[in-house]
Amino acid sequence: MDTDRLLKVLIIVCCLPVLSFPWMLGRAPEDGSVELFLWLYPVYVVISAYCEWLCTGARNTLVWILMILMLLTHGAMWMLILL
């Protein structure tokens, strides 16, 4: 498997945690303090994945940086909901 295909598979795999968005929205605090962040979360993941997809092959370092930022965002959203 060449590097471009591997990166594209990793981009798709890194986007999968956003599928838990409805569950996260249901577990959000009732006061609405995190609701804006939760609604922006899937938008950010889609835009980030699109940018990663466009950069694949030409700017692989940027792809890795965006992928790490996306994974950190997933962790931050989970912490926002669970803690």
PDB file of N, CA and C in Angstrom:
ATOM      1  N   MET A   1       0.854  -1.177   0.000  1.00  0.00           N
ATOM      2  CA  MET A   1       0.000   0.000   0.000  1.00  0.00           C
ATOM      3  C   MET A   1       0.897   1.237   0.000  1.00  0.00           C
ATOM      4  N   ASP A   2       0.662   2.127  -0.923  1.00  0.00           N
ATOM      5  CA  ASP A   2       1.501   3.329  -0.983  1.00  0.00           C
ATOM      6  C   ASP A   2       1.076   4.340   0.081  1.00  0.00           C
ATOM      7  N   THR A   3       1.899   5.334   0.250  1.00  0.00           N
ATOM      8  CA  THR A   3       1.707   6.307   1.331  1.00  0.00           C
ATOM      9  C   THR A   3       0.405   7.087   1.183  1.00  0.00           C
ATOM     10  N   ASP A   4       0.056   7.474  -0.046  1.00  0.00           N
ATOM     11  CA  ASP A   4      -1.172   8.254  -0.241  1.00  0.00           C
ATOM     12  C   ASP A   4      -2.407   7.465   0.174  1.00  0.00           C
ATOM     13  N   ARG A   5      -2.466   6.204  -0.189  1.00  0.00           N
ATOM     14  CA  ARG A   5      -3.617   5.386   0.201  1.00  0.00           C
ATOM     15  C   ARG A   5      -3.656   5.183   1.706  1.00  0.00           C
ATOM     16  N   LEU A   6      -2.507   4.965   2.296  1.00  0.00           N
ATOM     17  CA  LEU A   6      -2.451   4.796   3.747  1.00  0.00           C
ATOM     18  C   LEU A   6      -2.940   6.050   4.457  1.00  0.00           C
ATOM     19  N   LEU A   7      -2.509   7.212   4.000  1.00  0.00           N
ATOM     20  CA  LEU A   7      -2.964   8.461   4.606  1.00  0.00           C
ATOM     21  C   LEU A   7      -4.473   8.647   4.445  1.00  0.00           C
ATOM     22  N   LYS A   8      -5.009   8.299   3.290  1.00  0.00           N
ATOM     23  CA  LYS A   8      -6.451   8.452   3.079  1.00  0.00           C
ATOM     24  C   LYS A   8      -7.248   7.517   3.973  1.00  0.00           C
ATOM     25  N   VAL A   9      -6.742   6.307   4.176  1.00  0.00           N
ATOM     26  CA  VAL A   9      -7.404   5.384   5.101  1.00  0.00           C
ATOM     27  C   VAL A   9      -7.338   5.932   6.523  1.00  0.00           C
ATOM     28  N   LEU A  10      -6.191   6.465   6.909  1.00  0.00           N
ATOM     29  CA  LEU A  10      -6.053   7.043   8.251  1.00  0.00           C
ATOM     30  C   LEU A  10      -6.948   8.261   8.447  1.00  0.00           C
ATOM     31  N   ILE A  11      -7.118   9.064   7.415  1.00  0.00           N
ATOM     32  CA  ILE A  11      -8.019  10.223   7.500  1.00  0.00           C
ATOM     33  C   ILE A  11      -9.442   9.755   7.784  1.00  0.00           C
ATOM     34  N   ILE A  12      -9.880   8.728   7.074  1.00  0.00           N
ATOM     35  CA  ILE A  12     -11.236   8.207   7.275  1.00  0.00           C
ATOM     36  C   ILE A  12     -11.383   7.623   8.672  1.00  0.00           C
ATOM     37  N   VAL A  13     -10.385   6.868   9.112  1.00  0.00           N
ATOM     38  CA  VAL A  13     -10.439   6.266  10.448  1.00  0.00           C
ATOM     39  C   VAL A  13     -10.452   7.347  11.532  1.00  0.00           C
ATOM     40  N   CYS A  14      -9.682   8.399  11.330  1.00  0.00           N
ATOM     41  CA  CYS A  14      -9.632   9.481  12.329  1.00  0.00           C
ATOM     42  C   CYS A  14     -10.934  10.273  12.381  1.00  0.00           C
ATOM     43  N   CYS A  15     -11.743  10.203  11.350  1.00  0.00           N
ATOM     44  CA  CYS A  15     -13.028  10.913  11.349  1.00  0.00           C
ATOM     45  C   CYS A  15     -14.141  10.120  12.033  1.00  0.00           C
ATOM     46  N   LEU A  16     -13.946   8.840  12.234  1.00  0.00           N
ATOM     47  CA  LEU A  16     -15.008   7.998  12.780  1.00  0.00           C
ATOM     48  C   LEU A  16     -15.518   8.406  14.166  1.00  0.00           C
ATOM     49  N   PRO A  17     -14.685   8.925  15.062  1.00  0.00           N
ATOM     50  CA  PRO A  17     -15.241   9.304  16.375  1.00  0.00           C
ATOM     51  C   PRO A  17     -16.333  10.368  16.310  1.00  0.00           C
ATOM     52  N   VAL A  18     -16.429  11.099  15.217  1.00  0.00           N
ATOM     53  CA  VAL A  18     -17.477  12.122  15.121  1.00  0.00           C
ATOM     54  C   VAL A  18     -18.864  11.476  14.993  1.00  0.00           C
ATOM     55  N   LEU A  19     -18.914  10.194  14.701  1.00  0.00           N
ATOM     56  CA  LEU A  19     -20.206   9.506  14.630  1.00  0.00           C
ATOM     57  C   LEU A  19     -20.880   9.407  15.995  1.00  0.00           C
ATOM     58  N   SER A  20     -20.146   9.644  17.050  1.00  0.00           N
ATOM     59  CA  SER A  20     -20.740   9.630  18.388  1.00  0.00           C
ATOM     60  C   SER A  20     -21.355  10.978  18.747  1.00  0.00           C
ATOM     61  N   PHE A  21     -21.435  11.880  17.799  1.00  0.00           N
ATOM     62  CA  PHE A  21     -21.965  13.227  18.051  1.00  0.00           C
ATOM     63  C   PHE A  21     -23.373  13.208  18.656  1.00  0.00           C
ATOM     64  N   PRO A  22     -24.323  12.418  18.137  1.00  0.00           N
ATOM     65  CA  PRO A  22     -25.659  12.436  18.770  1.00  0.00           C
ATOM     66  C   PRO A  22     -25.628  11.994  20.229  1.00  0.00           C
ATOM     67  N   TRP A  23     -24.814  10.990  20.527  1.00  0.00           N
ATOM     68  CA  TRP A  23     -24.693  10.539  21.911  1.00  0.00           C
ATOM     69  C   TRP A  23     -24.089  11.634  22.781  1.00  0.00           C
ATOM     70  N   MET A  24     -23.073  12.313  22.250  1.00  0.00           N
ATOM     71  CA  MET A  24     -22.433  13.388  23.006  1.00  0.00           C
ATOM     72  C   MET A  24     -23.410  14.533  23.242  1.00  0.00           C
ATOM     73  N   LEU A  25     -24.213  14.834  22.249  1.00  0.00           N
ATOM     74  CA  LEU A  25     -25.192  15.917  22.386  1.00  0.00           C
ATOM     75  C   LEU A  25     -26.232  15.569  23.442  1.00  0.00           C
ATOM     76  N   GLY A  26     -26.588  14.297  23.512  1.00  0.00           N
ATOM     77  CA  GLY A  26     -27.544  13.861  24.534  1.00  0.00           C
ATOM     78  C   GLY A  26     -26.964  13.874  25.929  1.00  0.00           C
ATOM     79  N   ARG A  27     -25.648  13.709  26.055  1.00  0.00           N
ATOM     80  CA  ARG A  27     -24.994  13.696  27.363  1.00  0.00           C
ATOM     81  C   ARG A  27     -24.504  15.075  27.796  1.00  0.00           C
ATOM     82  N   ALA A  28     -24.719  16.082  26.984  1.00  0.00           N
ATOM     83  CA  ALA A  28     -24.246  17.431  27.301  1.00  0.00           C
ATOM     84  C   ALA A  28     -24.964  17.974  28.529  1.00  0.00           C
ATOM     85  N   PRO A  29     -24.290  18.821  29.294  1.00  0.00           N
ATOM     86  CA  PRO A  29     -24.946  19.430  30.458  1.00  0.00           C
ATOM     87  C   PRO A  29     -26.179  20.237  30.041  1.00  0.00           C
ATOM     88  N   GLU A  30     -27.148  20.264  30.911  1.00  0.00           N
ATOM     89  CA  GLU A  30     -28.421  20.929  30.609  1.00  0.00           C
ATOM     90  C   GLU A  30     -28.316  22.448  30.532  1.00  0.00           C
ATOM     91  N   ASP A  31     -27.282  23.030  31.125  1.00  0.00           N
ATOM     92  CA  ASP A  31     -27.184  24.491  31.150  1.00  0.00           C
ATOM     93  C   ASP A  31     -26.786  25.093  29.806  1.00  0.00           C
ATOM     94  N   GLY A  32     -26.406  24.279  28.833  1.00  0.00           N
ATOM     95  CA  GLY A  32     -26.084  24.774  27.498  1.00  0.00           C
ATOM     96  C   GLY A  32     -24.710  25.404  27.376  1.00  0.00           C
ATOM     97  N   SER A  33     -23.851  25.169  28.350  1.00  0.00           N
ATOM     98  CA  SER A  33     -22.544  25.816  28.337  1.00  0.00           C
ATOM     99  C   SER A  33     -21.601  25.246  27.279  1.00  0.00           C
ATOM    100  N   VAL A  34     -21.819  24.019  26.847  1.00  0.00           N
ATOM    101  CA  VAL A  34     -20.915  23.390  25.874  1.00  0.00           C
ATOM    102  C   VAL A  34     -21.596  23.128  24.528  1.00  0.00           C
ATOM    103  N   GLU A  35     -22.827  23.562  24.401  1.00  0.00           N
ATOM    104  CA  GLU A  35     -23.588  23.237  23.202  1.00  0.00           C
ATOM    105  C   GLU A  35     -22.973  23.831  21.929  1.00  0.00           C
ATOM    106  N   LEU A  36     -22.452  25.034  21.997  1.00  0.00           N
ATOM    107  CA  LEU A  36     -21.833  25.652  20.824  1.00  0.00           C
ATOM    108  C   LEU A  36     -20.627  24.849  20.363  1.00  0.00           C
ATOM    109  N   PHE A  37     -19.785  24.440  21.305  1.00  0.00           N
ATOM    110  CA  PHE A  37     -18.622  23.634  20.950  1.00  0.00           C
ATOM    111  C   PHE A  37     -19.034  22.303  20.331  1.00  0.00           C
ATOM    112  N   LEU A  38     -20.082  21.704  20.854  1.00  0.00           N
ATOM    113  CA  LEU A  38     -20.546  20.429  20.319  1.00  0.00           C
ATOM    114  C   LEU A  38     -21.081  20.567  18.894  1.00  0.00           C
ATOM    115  N   TRP A  39     -21.763  21.654  18.608  1.00  0.00           N
ATOM    116  CA  TRP A  39     -22.288  21.839  17.261  1.00  0.00           C
ATOM    117  C   TRP A  39     -21.183  22.193  16.262  1.00  0.00           C
ATOM    118  N   LEU A  40     -20.126  22.827  16.725  1.00  0.00           N
ATOM    119  CA  LEU A  40     -19.007  23.147  15.832  1.00  0.00           C
ATOM    120  C   LEU A  40     -18.077  21.958  15.611  1.00  0.00           C
ATOM    121  N   TYR A  41     -18.130  20.989  16.500  1.00  0.00           N
ATOM    122  CA  TYR A  41     -17.250  19.823  16.447  1.00  0.00           C
ATOM    123  C   TYR A  41     -17.351  19.048  15.125  1.00  0.00           C
ATOM    124  N   PRO A  42     -18.533  18.625  14.674  1.00  0.00           N
ATOM    125  CA  PRO A  42     -18.587  17.884  13.400  1.00  0.00           C
ATOM    126  C   PRO A  42     -18.185  18.746  12.201  1.00  0.00           C
ATOM    127  N   VAL A  43     -18.495  20.024  12.261  1.00  0.00           N
ATOM    128  CA  VAL A  43     -18.113  20.922  11.169  1.00  0.00           C
ATOM    129  C   VAL A  43     -16.592  20.998  11.072  1.00  0.00           C
ATOM    130  N   TYR A  44     -15.934  21.125  12.219  1.00  0.00           N
ATOM    131  CA  TYR A  44     -14.471  21.170  12.230  1.00  0.00           C
ATOM    132  C   TYR A  44     -13.874  19.877  11.690  1.00  0.00           C
ATOM    133  N   VAL A  45     -14.428  18.739  12.099  1.00  0.00           N
ATOM    134  CA  VAL A  45     -13.879  17.455  11.654  1.00  0.00           C
ATOM    135  C   VAL A  45     -14.023  17.302  10.147  1.00  0.00           C
ATOM    136  N   VAL A  46     -15.149  17.673   9.598  1.00  0.00           N
ATOM    137  CA  VAL A  46     -15.362  17.552   8.146  1.00  0.00           C
ATOM    138  C   VAL A  46     -14.423  18.487   7.387  1.00  0.00           C
ATOM    139  N   ILE A  47     -14.297  19.717   7.831  1.00  0.00           N
ATOM    140  CA  ILE A  47     -13.412  20.670   7.154  1.00  0.00           C
ATOM    141  C   ILE A  47     -11.955  20.235   7.277  1.00  0.00           C
ATOM    142  N   SER A  48     -11.572  19.766   8.437  1.00  0.00           N
ATOM    143  CA  SER A  48     -10.202  19.305   8.633  1.00  0.00           C
ATOM    144  C   SER A  48      -9.903  18.088   7.767  1.00  0.00           C
ATOM    145  N   ALA A  49     -10.831  17.150   7.705  1.00  0.00           N
ATOM    146  CA  ALA A  49     -10.635  15.964   6.863  1.00  0.00           C
ATOM    147  C   ALA A  49     -10.540  16.349   5.394  1.00  0.00           C
ATOM    148  N   TYR A  50     -11.354  17.303   4.971  1.00  0.00           N
ATOM    149  CA  TYR A  50     -11.302  17.763   3.578  1.00  0.00           C
ATOM    150  C   TYR A  50      -9.943  18.392   3.267  1.00  0.00           C
ATOM    151  N   CYS A  51      -9.445  19.217   4.181  1.00  0.00           N
ATOM    152  CA  CYS A  51      -8.119  19.830   3.980  1.00  0.00           C
ATOM    153  C   CYS A  51      -7.027  18.774   3.971  1.00  0.00           C
ATOM    154  N   GLU A  52      -7.137  17.791   4.852  1.00  0.00           N
ATOM    155  CA  GLU A  52      -6.155  16.706   4.862  1.00  0.00           C
ATOM    156  C   GLU A  52      -6.181  15.948   3.538  1.00  0.00           C
ATOM    157  N   TRP A  53      -7.383  15.679   3.055  1.00  0.00           N
ATOM    158  CA  TRP A  53      -7.540  14.939   1.803  1.00  0.00           C
ATOM    159  C   TRP A  53      -6.903  15.707   0.641  1.00  0.00           C
ATOM    160  N   LEU A  54      -7.106  17.022   0.620  1.00  0.00           N
ATOM    161  CA  LEU A  54      -6.532  17.833  -0.456  1.00  0.00           C
ATOM    162  C   LEU A  54      -5.012  17.893  -0.385  1.00  0.00           C
ATOM    163  N   CYS A  55      -4.465  17.859   0.815  1.00  0.00           N
ATOM    164  CA  CYS A  55      -3.012  17.972   0.988  1.00  0.00           C
ATOM    165  C   CYS A  55      -2.280  16.651   0.811  1.00  0.00           C
ATOM    166  N   THR A  56      -3.014  15.550   0.786  1.00  0.00           N
ATOM    167  CA  THR A  56      -2.378  14.238   0.660  1.00  0.00           C
ATOM    168  C   THR A  56      -1.588  14.162  -0.637  1.00  0.00           C
ATOM    169  N   GLY A  57      -0.353  13.760  -0.522  1.00  0.00           N
ATOM    170  CA  GLY A  57       0.514  13.627  -1.684  1.00  0.00           C
ATOM    171  C   GLY A  57       1.432  14.812  -1.888  1.00  0.00           C
ATOM    172  N   ALA A  58       0.931  16.002  -1.630  1.00  0.00           N
ATOM    173  CA  ALA A  58       1.732  17.201  -1.851  1.00  0.00           C
ATOM    174  C   ALA A  58       2.378  17.692  -0.561  1.00  0.00           C
ATOM    175  N   ARG A  59       1.601  17.687   0.517  1.00  0.00           N
ATOM    176  CA  ARG A  59       2.090  18.220   1.794  1.00  0.00           C
ATOM    177  C   ARG A  59       1.764  17.228   2.916  1.00  0.00           C
ATOM    178  N   ASN A  60       2.494  16.133   2.937  1.00  0.00           N
ATOM    179  CA  ASN A  60       2.194  15.084   3.910  1.00  0.00           C
ATOM    180  C   ASN A  60       2.455  15.520   5.343  1.00  0.00           C
ATOM    181  N   THR A  61       3.400  16.423   5.553  1.00  0.00           N
ATOM    182  CA  THR A  61       3.654  16.917   6.908  1.00  0.00           C
ATOM    183  C   THR A  61       2.442  17.674   7.430  1.00  0.00           C
ATOM    184  N   LEU A  62       1.823  18.466   6.588  1.00  0.00           N
ATOM    185  CA  LEU A  62       0.619  19.199   6.985  1.00  0.00           C
ATOM    186  C   LEU A  62      -0.524  18.232   7.288  1.00  0.00           C
ATOM    187  N   VAL A  63      -0.611  17.157   6.537  1.00  0.00           N
ATOM    188  CA  VAL A  63      -1.641  16.148   6.788  1.00  0.00           C
ATOM    189  C   VAL A  63      -1.474  15.563   8.188  1.00  0.00           C
ATOM    190  N   TRP A  64      -0.238  15.222   8.555  1.00  0.00           N
ATOM    191  CA  TRP A  64       0.011  14.655   9.876  1.00  0.00           C
ATOM    192  C   TRP A  64      -0.304  15.667  10.979  1.00  0.00           C
ATOM    193  N   ILE A  65       0.032  16.916  10.778  1.00  0.00           N
ATOM    194  CA  ILE A  65      -0.258  17.950  11.783  1.00  0.00           C
ATOM    195  C   ILE A  65      -1.766  18.109  11.961  1.00  0.00           C
ATOM    196  N   LEU A  66      -2.497  18.189  10.854  1.00  0.00           N
ATOM    197  CA  LEU A  66      -3.953  18.319  10.944  1.00  0.00           C
ATOM    198  C   LEU A  66      -4.584  17.084  11.567  1.00  0.00           C
ATOM    199  N   MET A  67      -4.036  15.913  11.277  1.00  0.00           N
ATOM    200  CA  MET A  67      -4.567  14.678  11.846  1.00  0.00           C
ATOM    201  C   MET A  67      -4.358  14.644  13.363  1.00  0.00           C
ATOM    202  N   ILE A  68      -3.195  15.073  13.807  1.00  0.00           N
ATOM    203  CA  ILE A  68      -2.933  15.123  15.250  1.00  0.00           C
ATOM    204  C   ILE A  68      -3.859  16.133  15.928  1.00  0.00           C
ATOM    205  N   LEU A  69      -4.067  17.279  15.299  1.00  0.00           N
ATOM    206  CA  LEU A  69      -4.999  18.273  15.858  1.00  0.00           C
ATOM    207  C   LEU A  69      -6.420  17.718  15.926  1.00  0.00           C
ATOM    208  N   MET A  70      -6.813  16.951  14.918  1.00  0.00           N
ATOM    209  CA  MET A  70      -8.149  16.359  14.926  1.00  0.00           C
ATOM    210  C   MET A  70      -8.277  15.348  16.063  1.00  0.00           C
ATOM    211  N   LEU A  71      -7.252  14.530  16.268  1.00  0.00           N
ATOM    212  CA  LEU A  71      -7.293  13.556  17.358  1.00  0.00           C
ATOM    213  C   LEU A  71      -7.322  14.246  18.722  1.00  0.00           C
ATOM    214  N   LEU A  72      -6.584  15.332  18.859  1.00  0.00           N
ATOM    215  CA  LEU A  72      -6.629  16.101  20.105  1.00  0.00           C
ATOM    216  C   LEU A  72      -8.010  16.721  20.327  1.00  0.00           C
ATOM    217  N   THR A  73      -8.650  17.145  19.243  1.00  0.00           N
ATOM    218  CA  THR A  73      -9.999  17.696  19.341  1.00  0.00           C
ATOM    219  C   THR A  73     -10.993  16.628  19.775  1.00  0.00           C
ATOM    220  N   HIS A  74     -10.853  15.421  19.231  1.00  0.00           N
ATOM    221  CA  HIS A  74     -11.721  14.319  19.674  1.00  0.00           C
ATOM    222  C   HIS A  74     -11.567  14.113  21.179  1.00  0.00           C
ATOM    223  N   GLY A  75     -10.328  14.070  21.646  1.00  0.00           N
ATOM    224  CA  GLY A  75     -10.088  13.896  23.073  1.00  0.00           C
ATOM    225  C   GLY A  75     -10.668  15.025  23.906  1.00  0.00           C
ATOM    226  N   ALA A  76     -10.537  16.244  23.416  1.00  0.00           N
ATOM    227  CA  ALA A  76     -11.069  17.400  24.142  1.00  0.00           C
ATOM    228  C   ALA A  76     -12.599  17.346  24.218  1.00  0.00           C
ATOM    229  N   MET A  77     -13.250  16.940  23.150  1.00  0.00           N
ATOM    230  CA  MET A  77     -14.709  16.857  23.170  1.00  0.00           C
ATOM    231  C   MET A  77     -15.185  15.769  24.125  1.00  0.00           C
ATOM    232  N   TRP A  78     -14.477  14.643  24.142  1.00  0.00           N
ATOM    233  CA  TRP A  78     -14.846  13.578  25.075  1.00  0.00           C
ATOM    234  C   TRP A  78     -14.657  14.037  26.525  1.00  0.00           C
ATOM    235  N   MET A  79     -13.558  14.742  26.782  1.00  0.00           N
ATOM    236  CA  MET A  79     -13.332  15.253  28.132  1.00  0.00           C
ATOM    237  C   MET A  79     -14.384  16.291  28.518  1.00  0.00           C
ATOM    238  N   LEU A  80     -14.795  17.109  27.547  1.00  0.00           N
ATOM    239  CA  LEU A  80     -15.801  18.131  27.797  1.00  0.00           C
ATOM    240  C   LEU A  80     -17.125  17.501  28.241  1.00  0.00           C
ATOM    241  N   ILE A  81     -17.448  16.374  27.656  1.00  0.00           N
ATOM    242  CA  ILE A  81     -18.717  15.716  27.962  1.00  0.00           C
ATOM    243  C   ILE A  81     -18.630  14.845  29.208  1.00  0.00           C
ATOM    244  N   LEU A  82     -17.531  14.101  29.349  1.00  0.00           N
ATOM    245  CA  LEU A  82     -17.458  13.118  30.423  1.00  0.00           C
ATOM    246  C   LEU A  82     -16.994  13.686  31.760  1.00  0.00           C
ATOM    247  N   LEU A  83     -16.288  14.792  31.753  1.00  0.00           N
ATOM    248  CA  LEU A  83     -15.802  15.338  33.030  1.00  0.00           C
ATOM    249  C   LEU A  83     -16.650  16.493  33.515  1.00  0.00           C
TER     250      LEU A  83
END
